[in-house]
Amino acid sequence: MFKSKNQLISLALILLIAGFLSNFASSHPDGLERVAEDLGFISQAAGHTSVLEDYSLPGIPHSGLAGGLAGILGCTLVFALVFSLSTVIKRLK
């Protein structure tokens, strides 16, 4: 799966950073959310839902644990997607 020890170490560091630093994510709205608030159309976005919305997980109270797990889960999903896509592209060559 991993071609070198460095790849495995890199993945471990990414998961560690995601699990730890996601606890420090800003509670302030991002740029798009802030513009939507300022221009008064934020209510139109009320129908949007996400599994990892605001670094939380269903069934886990919003805490440092939930934020860390959401960061780790997000990084793991992105890694799996990119790894799978790169495997398919290599096989097509």
C-alpha atoms as a PDB file:
ATOM      1  CA  MET A   1       0.000   0.000   0.000  1.00  0.00           C
ATOM      2  CA  PHE A   2       2.665   2.515   1.036  1.00  0.00           C
ATOM      3  CA  LYS A   3       5.755   2.710  -1.130  1.00  0.00           C
ATOM      4  CA  SER A   4       7.958   4.118   1.586  1.00  0.00           C
ATOM      5  CA  LYS A   5       8.171   4.610   5.303  1.00  0.00           C
ATOM      6  CA  ASN A   6       7.953   8.392   4.706  1.00  0.00           C
ATOM      7  CA  GLN A   7       4.447   8.035   3.255  1.00  0.00           C
ATOM      8  CA  LEU A   8       3.251   6.195   6.350  1.00  0.00           C
ATOM      9  CA  ILE A   9       4.897   8.765   8.638  1.00  0.00           C
ATOM     10  CA  SER A  10       3.311  11.589   6.618  1.00  0.00           C
ATOM     11  CA  LEU A  11      -0.136  10.043   6.952  1.00  0.00           C
ATOM     12  CA  ALA A  12       0.339   9.569  10.703  1.00  0.00           C
ATOM     13  CA  LEU A  13       1.395  13.223  11.077  1.00  0.00           C
ATOM     14  CA  ILE A  14      -1.575  14.425   9.042  1.00  0.00           C
ATOM     15  CA  LEU A  15      -3.978  12.442  11.220  1.00  0.00           C
ATOM     16  CA  LEU A  16      -2.292  13.688  14.399  1.00  0.00           C
ATOM     17  CA  ILE A  17      -2.450  17.307  13.257  1.00  0.00           C
ATOM     18  CA  ALA A  18      -6.073  16.931  12.075  1.00  0.00           C
ATOM     19  CA  GLY A  19      -7.096  15.357  15.354  1.00  0.00           C
ATOM     20  CA  PHE A  20      -5.364  17.993  17.454  1.00  0.00           C
ATOM     21  CA  LEU A  21      -5.584  21.236  15.474  1.00  0.00           C
ATOM     22  CA  SER A  22      -9.228  20.829  14.477  1.00  0.00           C
ATOM     23  CA  ASN A  23     -10.044  21.613  18.119  1.00  0.00           C
ATOM     24  CA  PHE A  24      -8.759  25.131  17.480  1.00  0.00           C
ATOM     25  CA  ALA A  25     -10.946  25.819  14.418  1.00  0.00           C
ATOM     26  CA  SER A  26     -12.464  29.271  14.485  1.00  0.00           C
ATOM     27  CA  SER A  27     -16.068  29.574  15.572  1.00  0.00           C
ATOM     28  CA  HIS A  28     -16.395  32.746  13.461  1.00  0.00           C
ATOM     29  CA  PRO A  29     -18.058  32.402  10.056  1.00  0.00           C
ATOM     30  CA  ASP A  30     -15.860  31.892   7.006  1.00  0.00           C
ATOM     31  CA  GLY A  31     -15.739  34.468   4.196  1.00  0.00           C
ATOM     32  CA  LEU A  32     -18.726  33.210   2.204  1.00  0.00           C
ATOM     33  CA  GLU A  33     -20.846  32.797   5.331  1.00  0.00           C
ATOM     34  CA  ARG A  34     -19.928  36.302   6.484  1.00  0.00           C
ATOM     35  CA  VAL A  35     -20.892  37.857   3.131  1.00  0.00           C
ATOM     36  CA  ALA A  36     -24.198  35.951   3.217  1.00  0.00           C
ATOM     37  CA  GLU A  37     -24.863  37.357   6.696  1.00  0.00           C
ATOM     38  CA  ASP A  38     -23.890  40.896   5.682  1.00  0.00           C
ATOM     39  CA  LEU A  39     -26.042  40.850   2.528  1.00  0.00           C
ATOM     40  CA  GLY A  40     -28.975  39.167   4.254  1.00  0.00           C
ATOM     41  CA  PHE A  41     -29.311  35.909   2.328  1.00  0.00           C
ATOM     42  CA  ILE A  42     -27.911  33.531   4.951  1.00  0.00           C
ATOM     43  CA  SER A  43     -31.415  32.175   5.630  1.00  0.00           C
ATOM     44  CA  GLN A  44     -31.513  30.681   2.127  1.00  0.00           C
ATOM     45  CA  ALA A  45     -28.676  28.338   3.085  1.00  0.00           C
ATOM     46  CA  ALA A  46     -30.637  26.855   5.981  1.00  0.00           C
ATOM     47  CA  GLY A  47     -31.432  23.669   4.027  1.00  0.00           C
ATOM     48  CA  HIS A  48     -27.769  22.658   3.734  1.00  0.00           C
ATOM     49  CA  THR A  49     -26.608  19.823   5.951  1.00  0.00           C
ATOM     50  CA  SER A  50     -23.304  18.045   6.289  1.00  0.00           C
ATOM     51  CA  VAL A  51     -22.155  15.016   8.244  1.00  0.00           C
ATOM     52  CA  LEU A  52     -19.152  16.897   9.647  1.00  0.00           C
ATOM     53  CA  GLU A  53     -20.782  20.319   9.879  1.00  0.00           C
ATOM     54  CA  ASP A  54     -18.917  22.652  12.254  1.00  0.00           C
ATOM     55  CA  TYR A  55     -16.499  19.863  13.250  1.00  0.00           C
ATOM     56  CA  SER A  56     -19.189  17.790  14.930  1.00  0.00           C
ATOM     57  CA  LEU A  57     -20.337  14.212  14.609  1.00  0.00           C
ATOM     58  CA  PRO A  58     -23.879  12.897  15.043  1.00  0.00           C
ATOM     59  CA  GLY A  59     -24.368  11.343  18.460  1.00  0.00           C
ATOM     60  CA  ILE A  60     -21.225  12.869  19.988  1.00  0.00           C
ATOM     61  CA  PRO A  61     -21.625  16.044  22.059  1.00  0.00           C
ATOM     62  CA  HIS A  62     -19.746  19.025  20.606  1.00  0.00           C
ATOM     63  CA  SER A  63     -16.449  18.848  22.452  1.00  0.00           C
ATOM     64  CA  GLY A  64     -12.738  18.474  21.851  1.00  0.00           C
ATOM     65  CA  LEU A  65     -13.262  14.772  21.191  1.00  0.00           C
ATOM     66  CA  ALA A  66     -15.910  15.409  18.521  1.00  0.00           C
ATOM     67  CA  GLY A  67     -13.736  18.023  16.795  1.00  0.00           C
ATOM     68  CA  GLY A  68     -10.698  15.754  16.794  1.00  0.00           C
ATOM     69  CA  LEU A  69     -12.643  12.779  15.484  1.00  0.00           C
ATOM     70  CA  ALA A  70     -14.238  14.917  12.762  1.00  0.00           C
ATOM     71  CA  GLY A  71     -10.773  16.121  11.670  1.00  0.00           C
ATOM     72  CA  ILE A  72      -9.393  12.584  11.582  1.00  0.00           C
ATOM     73  CA  LEU A  73     -12.440  11.237   9.760  1.00  0.00           C
ATOM     74  CA  GLY A  74     -12.311  14.031   7.184  1.00  0.00           C
ATOM     75  CA  CYS A  75      -8.612  13.466   6.468  1.00  0.00           C
ATOM     76  CA  THR A  76      -9.125   9.714   6.260  1.00  0.00           C
ATOM     77  CA  LEU A  77     -11.964  10.109   3.756  1.00  0.00           C
ATOM     78  CA  VAL A  78      -9.936  12.490   1.583  1.00  0.00           C
ATOM     79  CA  PHE A  79      -6.912  10.168   1.742  1.00  0.00           C
ATOM     80  CA  ALA A  80      -9.031   7.159   0.721  1.00  0.00           C
ATOM     81  CA  LEU A  81     -10.575   9.077  -2.171  1.00  0.00           C
ATOM     82  CA  VAL A  82      -7.231  10.352  -3.497  1.00  0.00           C
ATOM     83  CA  PHE A  83      -5.542   6.966  -3.013  1.00  0.00           C
ATOM     84  CA  SER A  84      -8.367   5.185  -4.867  1.00  0.00           C
ATOM     85  CA  LEU A  85      -8.353   7.714  -7.678  1.00  0.00           C
ATOM     86  CA  SER A  86      -4.586   7.486  -8.105  1.00  0.00           C
ATOM     87  CA  THR A  87      -4.782   3.683  -8.184  1.00  0.00           C
ATOM     88  CA  VAL A  88      -7.400   3.803 -10.957  1.00  0.00           C
ATOM     89  CA  ILE A  89      -5.345   6.330 -12.956  1.00  0.00           C
ATOM     90  CA  LYS A  90      -2.199   4.166 -12.662  1.00  0.00           C
ATOM     91  CA  ARG A  91      -4.081   1.115 -13.904  1.00  0.00           C
ATOM     92  CA  LEU A  92      -5.450   3.035 -16.887  1.00  0.00           C
ATOM     93  CA  LYS A  93      -1.924   3.951 -17.994  1.00  0.00           C
END
